[in-house]
Amino acid sequence: MNLTGRHLIDPNDFTIEELQKVIDLGLDIYNNPSNYSDICRGKILGTLFYEPSTRTRLSFESAMLRMGGSVLGFSDSNTSSVSKGETIADTIRVLDGYADVLVMRHPREGAPKLASEFSSVPVINGGDGGHQHPTQTLTDLVTIQHYRGKISNLKVAFCGDLLFGRTVHSLLKTLSRFPHISFVLISPEQLKIPSHLRDEIISNTNVEIIETQSLEDHINEVDILYMTRIQKERFFNEEEYVKLKDSYVLCKDKLKNAKEDLLILHPLPRVNEINYDVDSDPRAKYFEQAKLGVYARMALMALVLGVI
């Protein structure tokens, strides 16, 4: 299970055993941060963010800095040579001479995969279009194991934008590989998960999938509720976005029949799909989830850099 030099473009790039290795290390770093504060001294992370990001970019930077390494890169492609017409291939060929590991976010699906084909250092997908977001999946898995103790025997509800939500796509595919997982997929008809993804999950596993438009009908039976925002930036028609943006709003009143040990997650940012009155509910763990993302990314980078 040596991950040194490996790219992470899709969660399926790692076996379940390799994912578990990252999860276990992330939680050990979380519990014993001083043991890892100098392991990346002399290492450099290159950040290539062609699309806006707060949590992903800053958590990667925080992760490298917490391990004693350094960071360089851009958070806006307009400030790079991309604005002059430089190709991804040429950007990567240059940057992999400056950094030891690269993380890329790009609005075009497949861009990080293309980057990995030209890179001599590990490339990590920080999100590509509505396709995949593997390090958010690692964050989610670390969070689930931290609060539930294991990743198995769970009924997981995903609510909101399941068509364009790359965090949903990555986590659905990955959780379906763990034992005894079932899904409740809650969305408007227009934002159901892509049929090819649903078919892929069903054909590869024995996972039970329920598709519904009602959050209230299923909130009492699920172990994890994964809320997502309706993503304005993925719509071509603003009128359609306005019509759908308030499809689901989680409030304290809707949690009355939910399990006492329910885990409420959200990849953030939220817009209005979770009321602020939910924040004080002990089952709401989305801010802790964001914090744990730093440790998930510390573990991932330490392993692909081979410093552990």
C-alpha atoms as a PDB file:
ATOM      1  CA  MET A   1       0.000   0.000   0.000  1.00  0.00           C
ATOM      2  CA  ASN A   2       2.769   2.424  -0.894  1.00  0.00           C
ATOM      3  CA  LEU A   3       1.191   5.683  -2.090  1.00  0.00           C
ATOM      4  CA  THR A   4       4.466   7.514  -2.790  1.00  0.00           C
ATOM      5  CA  GLY A   5       4.334   9.368  -6.098  1.00  0.00           C
ATOM      6  CA  ARG A   6       0.672   8.501  -6.746  1.00  0.00           C
ATOM      7  CA  HIS A   7      -1.863  10.887  -8.309  1.00  0.00           C
ATOM      8  CA  LEU A   8      -5.370  11.236  -6.835  1.00  0.00           C
ATOM      9  CA  ILE A   9      -7.784  12.246  -9.587  1.00  0.00           C
ATOM     10  CA  ASP A  10     -10.762  10.035  -8.770  1.00  0.00           C
ATOM     11  CA  PRO A  11     -11.507   8.324  -5.426  1.00  0.00           C
ATOM     12  CA  ASN A  12     -11.417   5.008  -7.298  1.00  0.00           C
ATOM     13  CA  ASP A  13      -7.700   5.580  -7.906  1.00  0.00           C
ATOM     14  CA  PHE A  14      -7.189   4.246  -4.366  1.00  0.00           C
ATOM     15  CA  THR A  15      -8.318   0.883  -3.054  1.00  0.00           C
ATOM     16  CA  ILE A  16     -10.484   0.739   0.063  1.00  0.00           C
ATOM     17  CA  GLU A  17      -7.387  -0.343   2.005  1.00  0.00           C
ATOM     18  CA  GLU A  18      -5.453   2.662   0.687  1.00  0.00           C
ATOM     19  CA  LEU A  19      -8.321   5.020   1.517  1.00  0.00           C
ATOM     20  CA  GLN A  20      -8.444   3.537   5.021  1.00  0.00           C
ATOM     21  CA  LYS A  21      -4.714   4.174   5.376  1.00  0.00           C
ATOM     22  CA  VAL A  22      -5.275   7.875   4.608  1.00  0.00           C
ATOM     23  CA  ILE A  23      -8.257   8.035   6.982  1.00  0.00           C
ATOM     24  CA  ASP A  24      -6.381   6.397   9.868  1.00  0.00           C
ATOM     25  CA  LEU A  25      -3.352   8.616   9.371  1.00  0.00           C
ATOM     26  CA  GLY A  26      -5.524  11.734   9.172  1.00  0.00           C
ATOM     27  CA  LEU A  27      -7.124  10.924  12.513  1.00  0.00           C
ATOM     28  CA  ASP A  28      -3.740  10.158  14.081  1.00  0.00           C
ATOM     29  CA  ILE A  29      -2.437  13.537  12.906  1.00  0.00           C
ATOM     30  CA  TYR A  30      -5.588  15.165  14.313  1.00  0.00           C
ATOM     31  CA  ASN A  31      -4.988  13.517  17.694  1.00  0.00           C
ATOM     32  CA  ASN A  32      -1.191  13.978  17.733  1.00  0.00           C
ATOM     33  CA  PRO A  33      -0.372  17.037  15.586  1.00  0.00           C
ATOM     34  CA  SER A  34       3.022  17.703  17.196  1.00  0.00           C
ATOM     35  CA  ASN A  35       4.306  14.364  15.885  1.00  0.00           C
ATOM     36  CA  TYR A  36       3.875  15.601  12.316  1.00  0.00           C
ATOM     37  CA  SER A  37       4.784  19.293  12.535  1.00  0.00           C
ATOM     38  CA  ASP A  38       8.094  18.995  10.678  1.00  0.00           C
ATOM     39  CA  ILE A  39       7.703  16.041   8.316  1.00  0.00           C
ATOM     40  CA  CYS A  40       7.406  18.150   5.140  1.00  0.00           C
ATOM     41  CA  ARG A  41      10.211  20.595   5.835  1.00  0.00           C
ATOM     42  CA  GLY A  42      11.800  21.403   2.471  1.00  0.00           C
ATOM     43  CA  LYS A  43       8.720  20.249   0.530  1.00  0.00           C
ATOM     44  CA  ILE A  44       6.666  22.647  -1.620  1.00  0.00           C
ATOM     45  CA  LEU A  45       2.983  22.464  -2.519  1.00  0.00           C
ATOM     46  CA  GLY A  46       1.939  24.064  -5.812  1.00  0.00           C
ATOM     47  CA  THR A  47      -1.695  25.278  -5.927  1.00  0.00           C
ATOM     48  CA  LEU A  48      -3.317  25.739  -9.352  1.00  0.00           C
ATOM     49  CA  PHE A  49      -6.822  27.084  -8.788  1.00  0.00           C
ATOM     50  CA  TYR A  50      -8.525  27.993 -12.051  1.00  0.00           C
ATOM     51  CA  GLU A  51     -11.860  28.291 -10.215  1.00  0.00           C
ATOM     52  CA  PRO A  52     -12.737  30.131  -6.963  1.00  0.00           C
ATOM     53  CA  SER A  53     -12.204  28.202  -3.740  1.00  0.00           C
ATOM     54  CA  THR A  54     -11.996  29.041  -0.056  1.00  0.00           C
ATOM     55  CA  ARG A  55     -11.978  25.827   1.971  1.00  0.00           C
ATOM     56  CA  THR A  56     -10.179  23.526  -0.441  1.00  0.00           C
ATOM     57  CA  ARG A  57      -7.357  25.923  -1.301  1.00  0.00           C
ATOM     58  CA  LEU A  58      -6.823  27.247   2.211  1.00  0.00           C
ATOM     59  CA  SER A  59      -7.085  23.821   3.824  1.00  0.00           C
ATOM     60  CA  PHE A  60      -4.406  22.483   1.471  1.00  0.00           C
ATOM     61  CA  GLU A  61      -2.195  25.459   2.297  1.00  0.00           C
ATOM     62  CA  SER A  62      -2.849  25.041   6.021  1.00  0.00           C
ATOM     63  CA  ALA A  63      -2.108  21.320   5.742  1.00  0.00           C
ATOM     64  CA  MET A  64       1.293  21.861   4.129  1.00  0.00           C
ATOM     65  CA  LEU A  65       2.252  24.690   6.486  1.00  0.00           C
ATOM     66  CA  ARG A  66       1.279  22.583   9.516  1.00  0.00           C
ATOM     67  CA  MET A  67       3.741  19.936   8.326  1.00  0.00           C
ATOM     68  CA  GLY A  68       6.564  22.460   7.998  1.00  0.00           C
ATOM     69  CA  GLY A  69       6.424  22.808   4.204  1.00  0.00           C
ATOM     70  CA  SER A  70       5.906  25.775   1.893  1.00  0.00           C
ATOM     71  CA  VAL A  71       3.283  26.828  -0.658  1.00  0.00           C
ATOM     72  CA  LEU A  72       3.309  28.608  -4.019  1.00  0.00           C
ATOM     73  CA  GLY A  73       0.784  28.957  -6.811  1.00  0.00           C
ATOM     74  CA  PHE A  74      -2.213  30.985  -7.930  1.00  0.00           C
ATOM     75  CA  SER A  75      -5.808  31.309  -6.764  1.00  0.00           C
ATOM     76  CA  ASP A  76      -6.996  33.111  -9.903  1.00  0.00           C
ATOM     77  CA  SER A  77      -5.997  31.968 -13.373  1.00  0.00           C
ATOM     78  CA  ASN A  78      -6.233  35.575 -14.579  1.00  0.00           C
ATOM     79  CA  THR A  79      -3.104  36.351 -12.551  1.00  0.00           C
ATOM     80  CA  SER A  80      -1.146  33.535 -14.238  1.00  0.00           C
ATOM     81  CA  SER A  81       0.173  32.932 -17.753  1.00  0.00           C
ATOM     82  CA  VAL A  82      -3.101  31.119 -18.461  1.00  0.00           C
ATOM     83  CA  SER A  83      -4.475  34.589 -19.234  1.00  0.00           C
ATOM     84  CA  LYS A  84      -1.866  34.771 -22.024  1.00  0.00           C
ATOM     85  CA  GLY A  85      -3.037  31.492 -23.498  1.00  0.00           C
ATOM     86  CA  GLU A  86      -0.680  29.021 -21.833  1.00  0.00           C
ATOM     87  CA  THR A  87      -1.951  25.437 -21.987  1.00  0.00           C
ATOM     88  CA  ILE A  88      -2.465  23.172 -18.983  1.00  0.00           C
ATOM     89  CA  ALA A  89       0.288  20.890 -20.276  1.00  0.00           C
ATOM     90  CA  ASP A  90       2.838  23.702 -20.370  1.00  0.00           C
ATOM     91  CA  THR A  91       1.758  25.103 -16.985  1.00  0.00           C
ATOM     92  CA  ILE A  92       2.234  21.667 -15.431  1.00  0.00           C
ATOM     93  CA  ARG A  93       5.595  21.086 -17.093  1.00  0.00           C
ATOM     94  CA  VAL A  94       6.814  24.341 -15.543  1.00  0.00           C
ATOM     95  CA  LEU A  95       5.182  23.998 -12.114  1.00  0.00           C
ATOM     96  CA  ASP A  96       6.359  20.464 -11.476  1.00  0.00           C
ATOM     97  CA  GLY A  97       9.875  21.867 -11.606  1.00  0.00           C
ATOM     98  CA  TYR A  98       8.975  24.278  -8.817  1.00  0.00           C
ATOM     99  CA  ALA A  99       6.934  22.067  -6.457  1.00  0.00           C
ATOM    100  CA  ASP A 100       6.918  18.542  -5.021  1.00  0.00           C
ATOM    101  CA  VAL A 101       3.146  18.017  -5.178  1.00  0.00           C
ATOM    102  CA  LEU A 102       0.421  19.866  -7.114  1.00  0.00           C
ATOM    103  CA  VAL A 103      -3.265  20.413  -6.389  1.00  0.00           C
ATOM    104  CA  MET A 104      -5.522  21.622  -9.197  1.00  0.00           C
ATOM    105  CA  ARG A 105      -9.089  22.902  -9.289  1.00  0.00           C
ATOM    106  CA  HIS A 106     -10.551  23.498 -12.715  1.00  0.00           C
ATOM    107  CA  PRO A 107     -14.037  24.219 -14.114  1.00  0.00           C
ATOM    108  CA  ARG A 108     -13.489  21.719 -16.934  1.00  0.00           C
ATOM    109  CA  GLU A 109     -14.065  18.055 -16.205  1.00  0.00           C
ATOM    110  CA  GLY A 110     -10.947  15.992 -16.821  1.00  0.00           C
ATOM    111  CA  ALA A 111      -8.449  18.854 -16.512  1.00  0.00           C
ATOM    112  CA  PRO A 112      -6.622  17.382 -13.465  1.00  0.00           C
ATOM    113  CA  LYS A 113      -6.446  14.021 -15.247  1.00  0.00           C
ATOM    114  CA  LEU A 114      -4.816  15.744 -18.208  1.00  0.00           C
ATOM    115  CA  ALA A 115      -2.419  17.541 -15.848  1.00  0.00           C
ATOM    116  CA  SER A 116      -1.362  14.236 -14.277  1.00  0.00           C
ATOM    117  CA  GLU A 117      -0.306  12.946 -17.702  1.00  0.00           C
ATOM    118  CA  PHE A 118       2.303  15.727 -17.991  1.00  0.00           C
ATOM    119  CA  SER A 119       3.480  15.836 -14.373  1.00  0.00           C
ATOM    120  CA  SER A 120       6.476  14.120 -12.820  1.00  0.00           C
ATOM    121  CA  VAL A 121       5.178  14.911  -9.303  1.00  0.00           C
ATOM    122  CA  PRO A 122       1.879  13.819  -7.692  1.00  0.00           C
ATOM    123  CA  VAL A 123      -1.211  15.697  -8.911  1.00  0.00           C
ATOM    124  CA  ILE A 124      -4.252  15.948  -6.628  1.00  0.00           C
ATOM    125  CA  ASN A 125      -7.670  16.825  -8.026  1.00  0.00           C
ATOM    126  CA  GLY A 126      -9.105  19.709  -5.993  1.00  0.00           C
ATOM    127  CA  GLY A 127     -12.391  19.555  -7.922  1.00  0.00           C
ATOM    128  CA  ASP A 128     -13.093  19.451 -11.659  1.00  0.00           C
ATOM    129  CA  GLY A 129     -16.381  20.906 -12.862  1.00  0.00           C
ATOM    130  CA  GLY A 130     -19.362  18.844 -11.742  1.00  0.00           C
ATOM    131  CA  HIS A 131     -17.296  15.671 -11.956  1.00  0.00           C
ATOM    132  CA  GLN A 132     -15.183  14.646  -8.925  1.00  0.00           C
ATOM    133  CA  HIS A 133     -13.819  16.063  -5.653  1.00  0.00           C
ATOM    134  CA  PRO A 134     -11.762  13.238  -4.101  1.00  0.00           C
ATOM    135  CA  THR A 135     -10.201  15.192  -1.230  1.00  0.00           C
ATOM    136  CA  GLN A 136     -13.642  16.341  -0.081  1.00  0.00           C
ATOM    137  CA  THR A 137     -14.522  12.656  -0.073  1.00  0.00           C
ATOM    138  CA  LEU A 138     -11.472  11.945   2.108  1.00  0.00           C
ATOM    139  CA  THR A 139     -12.621  14.761   4.401  1.00  0.00           C
ATOM    140  CA  ASP A 140     -16.097  13.230   4.601  1.00  0.00           C
ATOM    141  CA  LEU A 141     -14.728   9.754   5.312  1.00  0.00           C
ATOM    142  CA  VAL A 142     -12.431  11.039   8.063  1.00  0.00           C
ATOM    143  CA  THR A 143     -15.396  12.892   9.586  1.00  0.00           C
ATOM    144  CA  ILE A 144     -17.659   9.840   9.455  1.00  0.00           C
ATOM    145  CA  GLN A 145     -15.053   7.585  11.040  1.00  0.00           C
ATOM    146  CA  HIS A 146     -14.249  10.203  13.699  1.00  0.00           C
ATOM    147  CA  TYR A 147     -17.882  10.494  14.816  1.00  0.00           C
ATOM    148  CA  ARG A 148     -19.228   7.014  14.026  1.00  0.00           C
ATOM    149  CA  GLY A 149     -16.120   4.929  14.717  1.00  0.00           C
ATOM    150  CA  LYS A 150     -16.391   3.012  11.438  1.00  0.00           C
ATOM    151  CA  ILE A 151     -17.615   3.345   7.877  1.00  0.00           C
ATOM    152  CA  SER A 152     -20.172   0.566   7.523  1.00  0.00           C
ATOM    153  CA  ASN A 153     -23.833  -0.263   8.241  1.00  0.00           C
ATOM    154  CA  LEU A 154     -24.992   3.247   7.402  1.00  0.00           C
ATOM    155  CA  LYS A 155     -28.020   4.729   5.649  1.00  0.00           C
ATOM    156  CA  VAL A 156     -26.856   7.973   4.059  1.00  0.00           C
ATOM    157  CA  ALA A 157     -29.150  10.661   2.663  1.00  0.00           C
ATOM    158  CA  PHE A 158     -27.898  13.169   0.105  1.00  0.00           C
ATOM    159  CA  CYS A 159     -30.131  16.215  -0.291  1.00  0.00           C
ATOM    160  CA  GLY A 160     -30.082  19.055  -2.831  1.00  0.00           C
ATOM    161  CA  ASP A 161     -28.141  19.285  -6.078  1.00  0.00           C
ATOM    162  CA  LEU A 162     -27.263  15.705  -6.955  1.00  0.00           C
ATOM    163  CA  LEU A 163     -26.841  16.376 -10.681  1.00  0.00           C
ATOM    164  CA  PHE A 164     -23.968  18.864 -10.608  1.00  0.00           C
ATOM    165  CA  GLY A 165     -22.640  18.164  -7.093  1.00  0.00           C
ATOM    166  CA  ARG A 166     -19.113  16.786  -7.532  1.00  0.00           C
ATOM    167  CA  THR A 167     -18.834  16.224  -3.780  1.00  0.00           C
ATOM    168  CA  VAL A 168     -21.923  14.014  -3.957  1.00  0.00           C
ATOM    169  CA  HIS A 169     -20.662  12.087  -6.978  1.00  0.00           C
ATOM    170  CA  SER A 170     -17.312  11.319  -5.356  1.00  0.00           C
ATOM    171  CA  LEU A 171     -18.756  10.335  -1.991  1.00  0.00           C
ATOM    172  CA  LEU A 172     -21.537   8.205  -3.482  1.00  0.00           C
ATOM    173  CA  LYS A 173     -19.076   6.201  -5.565  1.00  0.00           C
ATOM    174  CA  THR A 174     -16.708   5.750  -2.643  1.00  0.00           C
ATOM    175  CA  LEU A 175     -19.205   4.934   0.116  1.00  0.00           C
ATOM    176  CA  SER A 176     -20.806   2.327  -2.129  1.00  0.00           C
ATOM    177  CA  ARG A 177     -17.534   0.364  -1.886  1.00  0.00           C
ATOM    178  CA  PHE A 178     -17.777   0.080   1.926  1.00  0.00           C
ATOM    179  CA  PRO A 179     -19.804  -2.679   3.654  1.00  0.00           C
ATOM    180  CA  HIS A 180     -23.567  -2.444   4.149  1.00  0.00           C
ATOM    181  CA  ILE A 181     -24.216   1.103   2.920  1.00  0.00           C
ATOM    182  CA  SER A 182     -27.558   2.297   1.544  1.00  0.00           C
ATOM    183  CA  PHE A 183     -28.561   5.648   0.078  1.00  0.00           C
ATOM    184  CA  VAL A 184     -31.560   7.964   0.080  1.00  0.00           C
ATOM    185  CA  LEU A 185     -31.208  10.480  -2.746  1.00  0.00           C
ATOM    186  CA  ILE A 186     -33.370  13.570  -2.211  1.00  0.00           C
ATOM    187  CA  SER A 187     -33.609  16.126  -5.006  1.00  0.00           C
ATOM    188  CA  PRO A 188     -35.923  17.914  -7.392  1.00  0.00           C
ATOM    189  CA  GLU A 189     -36.599  15.902 -10.548  1.00  0.00           C
ATOM    190  CA  GLN A 190     -34.351  18.294 -12.503  1.00  0.00           C
ATOM    191  CA  LEU A 191     -31.370  17.692 -10.178  1.00  0.00           C
ATOM    192  CA  LYS A 192     -31.363  13.896  -9.789  1.00  0.00           C
ATOM    193  CA  ILE A 193     -27.999  12.127  -9.932  1.00  0.00           C
ATOM    194  CA  PRO A 194     -26.813  11.415 -13.477  1.00  0.00           C
ATOM    195  CA  SER A 195     -28.309   8.139 -14.678  1.00  0.00           C
ATOM    196  CA  HIS A 196     -24.887   6.778 -15.674  1.00  0.00           C
ATOM    197  CA  LEU A 197     -23.634   7.258 -12.098  1.00  0.00           C
ATOM    198  CA  ARG A 198     -26.685   5.580 -10.621  1.00  0.00           C
ATOM    199  CA  ASP A 199     -26.314   2.665 -13.025  1.00  0.00           C
ATOM    200  CA  GLU A 200     -22.589   2.380 -12.278  1.00  0.00           C
ATOM    201  CA  ILE A 201     -23.167   2.204  -8.525  1.00  0.00           C
ATOM    202  CA  ILE A 202     -25.960  -0.347  -8.829  1.00  0.00           C
ATOM    203  CA  SER A 203     -24.077  -2.545 -11.311  1.00  0.00           C
ATOM    204  CA  ASN A 204     -20.876  -2.591  -9.257  1.00  0.00           C
ATOM    205  CA  THR A 205     -22.374  -3.103  -5.796  1.00  0.00           C
ATOM    206  CA  ASN A 206     -25.434  -4.392  -3.977  1.00  0.00           C
ATOM    207  CA  VAL A 207     -26.244  -0.956  -2.613  1.00  0.00           C
ATOM    208  CA  GLU A 208     -29.887  -0.074  -2.071  1.00  0.00           C
ATOM    209  CA  ILE A 209     -30.848   3.314  -3.533  1.00  0.00           C
ATOM    210  CA  ILE A 210     -34.079   5.183  -2.824  1.00  0.00           C
ATOM    211  CA  GLU A 211     -34.779   8.253  -4.966  1.00  0.00           C
ATOM    212  CA  THR A 212     -37.314  10.748  -3.637  1.00  0.00           C
ATOM    213  CA  GLN A 213     -38.248  14.424  -3.576  1.00  0.00           C
ATOM    214  CA  SER A 214     -39.196  14.396   0.120  1.00  0.00           C
ATOM    215  CA  LEU A 215     -36.721  15.065   2.918  1.00  0.00           C
ATOM    216  CA  GLU A 216     -39.362  14.783   5.638  1.00  0.00           C
ATOM    217  CA  ASP A 217     -40.401  11.260   4.636  1.00  0.00           C
ATOM    218  CA  HIS A 218     -36.948   9.812   5.294  1.00  0.00           C
ATOM    219  CA  ILE A 219     -35.187  12.000   7.858  1.00  0.00           C
ATOM    220  CA  ASN A 220     -36.222   9.709  10.723  1.00  0.00           C
ATOM    221  CA  GLU A 221     -34.429   6.658   9.276  1.00  0.00           C
ATOM    222  CA  VAL A 222     -31.043   7.936   8.102  1.00  0.00           C
ATOM    223  CA  ASP A 223     -27.725   7.901   9.968  1.00  0.00           C
ATOM    224  CA  ILE A 224     -26.100  10.678   7.942  1.00  0.00           C
ATOM    225  CA  LEU A 225     -27.740  13.647   6.231  1.00  0.00           C
ATOM    226  CA  TYR A 226     -25.471  15.226   3.643  1.00  0.00           C
ATOM    227  CA  MET A 227     -26.917  18.596   2.622  1.00  0.00           C
ATOM    228  CA  THR A 228     -25.739  20.409  -0.520  1.00  0.00           C
ATOM    229  CA  ARG A 229     -26.447  23.806  -2.006  1.00  0.00           C
ATOM    230  CA  ILE A 230     -28.137  24.361  -5.344  1.00  0.00           C
ATOM    231  CA  GLN A 231     -25.152  25.572  -7.365  1.00  0.00           C
ATOM    232  CA  LYS A 232     -25.943  28.761  -9.233  1.00  0.00           C
ATOM    233  CA  GLU A 233     -22.684  28.601 -11.197  1.00  0.00           C
ATOM    234  CA  ARG A 234     -23.691  25.302 -12.841  1.00  0.00           C
ATOM    235  CA  PHE A 235     -26.949  26.656 -14.310  1.00  0.00           C
ATOM    236  CA  PHE A 236     -27.186  28.075 -17.822  1.00  0.00           C
ATOM    237  CA  ASN A 237     -30.576  29.596 -17.048  1.00  0.00           C
ATOM    238  CA  GLU A 238     -30.895  31.875 -14.002  1.00  0.00           C
ATOM    239  CA  GLU A 239     -34.674  31.557 -14.032  1.00  0.00           C
ATOM    240  CA  GLU A 240     -34.328  27.799 -13.529  1.00  0.00           C
ATOM    241  CA  TYR A 241     -31.890  28.367 -10.655  1.00  0.00           C
ATOM    242  CA  VAL A 242     -34.250  30.796  -8.917  1.00  0.00           C
ATOM    243  CA  LYS A 243     -37.063  28.264  -9.232  1.00  0.00           C
ATOM    244  CA  LEU A 244     -35.025  25.500  -7.586  1.00  0.00           C
ATOM    245  CA  LYS A 245     -32.696  27.277  -5.141  1.00  0.00           C
ATOM    246  CA  ASP A 246     -34.982  26.945  -2.096  1.00  0.00           C
ATOM    247  CA  SER A 247     -36.108  23.386  -2.813  1.00  0.00           C
ATOM    248  CA  TYR A 248     -34.784  22.146   0.549  1.00  0.00           C
ATOM    249  CA  VAL A 249     -34.155  24.188   3.665  1.00  0.00           C
ATOM    250  CA  LEU A 250     -33.162  22.249   6.782  1.00  0.00           C
ATOM    251  CA  CYS A 251     -34.403  23.840  10.005  1.00  0.00           C
ATOM    252  CA  LYS A 252     -34.521  22.714  13.618  1.00  0.00           C
ATOM    253  CA  ASP A 253     -38.201  21.822  13.338  1.00  0.00           C
ATOM    254  CA  LYS A 254     -37.479  19.260  10.600  1.00  0.00           C
ATOM    255  CA  LEU A 255     -35.019  17.482  12.901  1.00  0.00           C
ATOM    256  CA  LYS A 256     -37.603  16.619  15.573  1.00  0.00           C
ATOM    257  CA  ASN A 257     -38.038  13.064  14.277  1.00  0.00           C
ATOM    258  CA  ALA A 258     -34.409  12.484  13.306  1.00  0.00           C
ATOM    259  CA  LYS A 259     -32.144  10.033  15.132  1.00  0.00           C
ATOM    260  CA  GLU A 260     -30.329  11.332  18.204  1.00  0.00           C
ATOM    261  CA  ASP A 261     -26.989  10.310  16.721  1.00  0.00           C
ATOM    262  CA  LEU A 262     -27.699  11.680  13.228  1.00  0.00           C
ATOM    263  CA  LEU A 263     -24.640  13.235  11.573  1.00  0.00           C
ATOM    264  CA  ILE A 264     -25.467  16.400   9.593  1.00  0.00           C
ATOM    265  CA  LEU A 265     -22.774  17.178   7.036  1.00  0.00           C
ATOM    266  CA  HIS A 266     -22.333  19.805   4.315  1.00  0.00           C
ATOM    267  CA  PRO A 267     -19.289  20.393   2.078  1.00  0.00           C
ATOM    268  CA  LEU A 268     -19.825  24.182   2.358  1.00  0.00           C
ATOM    269  CA  PRO A 269     -20.309  26.919   1.402  1.00  0.00           C
ATOM    270  CA  ARG A 270     -23.965  26.957   2.377  1.00  0.00           C
ATOM    271  CA  VAL A 271     -26.343  29.533   0.986  1.00  0.00           C
ATOM    272  CA  ASN A 272     -29.766  29.037   2.562  1.00  0.00           C
ATOM    273  CA  GLU A 273     -30.218  25.245   2.615  1.00  0.00           C
ATOM    274  CA  ILE A 274     -29.401  24.992   6.349  1.00  0.00           C
ATOM    275  CA  ASN A 275     -30.929  27.518   8.720  1.00  0.00           C
ATOM    276  CA  TYR A 276     -28.649  29.058  11.316  1.00  0.00           C
ATOM    277  CA  ASP A 277     -30.833  27.589  14.066  1.00  0.00           C
ATOM    278  CA  VAL A 278     -29.424  24.169  13.138  1.00  0.00           C
ATOM    279  CA  ASP A 279     -25.847  25.247  13.950  1.00  0.00           C
ATOM    280  CA  SER A 280     -26.392  24.821  17.691  1.00  0.00           C
ATOM    281  CA  ASP A 281     -27.742  21.286  17.275  1.00  0.00           C
ATOM    282  CA  PRO A 282     -25.073  18.820  18.495  1.00  0.00           C
ATOM    283  CA  ARG A 283     -25.748  16.684  15.433  1.00  0.00           C
ATOM    284  CA  ALA A 284     -24.593  19.468  13.087  1.00  0.00           C
ATOM    285  CA  LYS A 285     -20.913  18.750  12.304  1.00  0.00           C
ATOM    286  CA  TYR A 286     -20.242  20.671   9.075  1.00  0.00           C
ATOM    287  CA  PHE A 287     -17.791  23.138  10.622  1.00  0.00           C
ATOM    288  CA  GLU A 288     -15.938  20.294  12.362  1.00  0.00           C
ATOM    289  CA  GLN A 289     -16.009  18.531   8.980  1.00  0.00           C
ATOM    290  CA  ALA A 290     -14.217  21.516   7.379  1.00  0.00           C
ATOM    291  CA  LYS A 291     -11.595  21.427  10.148  1.00  0.00           C
ATOM    292  CA  LEU A 292     -11.011  17.702   9.702  1.00  0.00           C
ATOM    293  CA  GLY A 293     -10.393  18.372   6.013  1.00  0.00           C
ATOM    294  CA  VAL A 294      -7.018  19.860   6.928  1.00  0.00           C
ATOM    295  CA  TYR A 295      -5.943  16.603   8.571  1.00  0.00           C
ATOM    296  CA  ALA A 296      -7.267  14.480   5.692  1.00  0.00           C
ATOM    297  CA  ARG A 297      -5.162  16.540   3.283  1.00  0.00           C
ATOM    298  CA  MET A 298      -2.127  16.427   5.568  1.00  0.00           C
ATOM    299  CA  ALA A 299      -2.323  12.635   5.545  1.00  0.00           C
ATOM    300  CA  LEU A 300      -2.786  12.458   1.781  1.00  0.00           C
ATOM    301  CA  MET A 301       0.148  14.732   0.989  1.00  0.00           C
ATOM    302  CA  ALA A 302       2.430  13.031   3.523  1.00  0.00           C
ATOM    303  CA  LEU A 303       1.717   9.669   1.916  1.00  0.00           C
ATOM    304  CA  VAL A 304       2.069  10.685  -1.744  1.00  0.00           C
ATOM    305  CA  LEU A 305       5.276  12.564  -0.880  1.00  0.00           C
ATOM    306  CA  GLY A 306       6.611   9.481   0.867  1.00  0.00           C
ATOM    307  CA  VAL A 307       7.597  11.323   4.061  1.00  0.00           C
ATOM    308  CA  ILE A 308       5.807   8.687   6.168  1.00  0.00           C
END
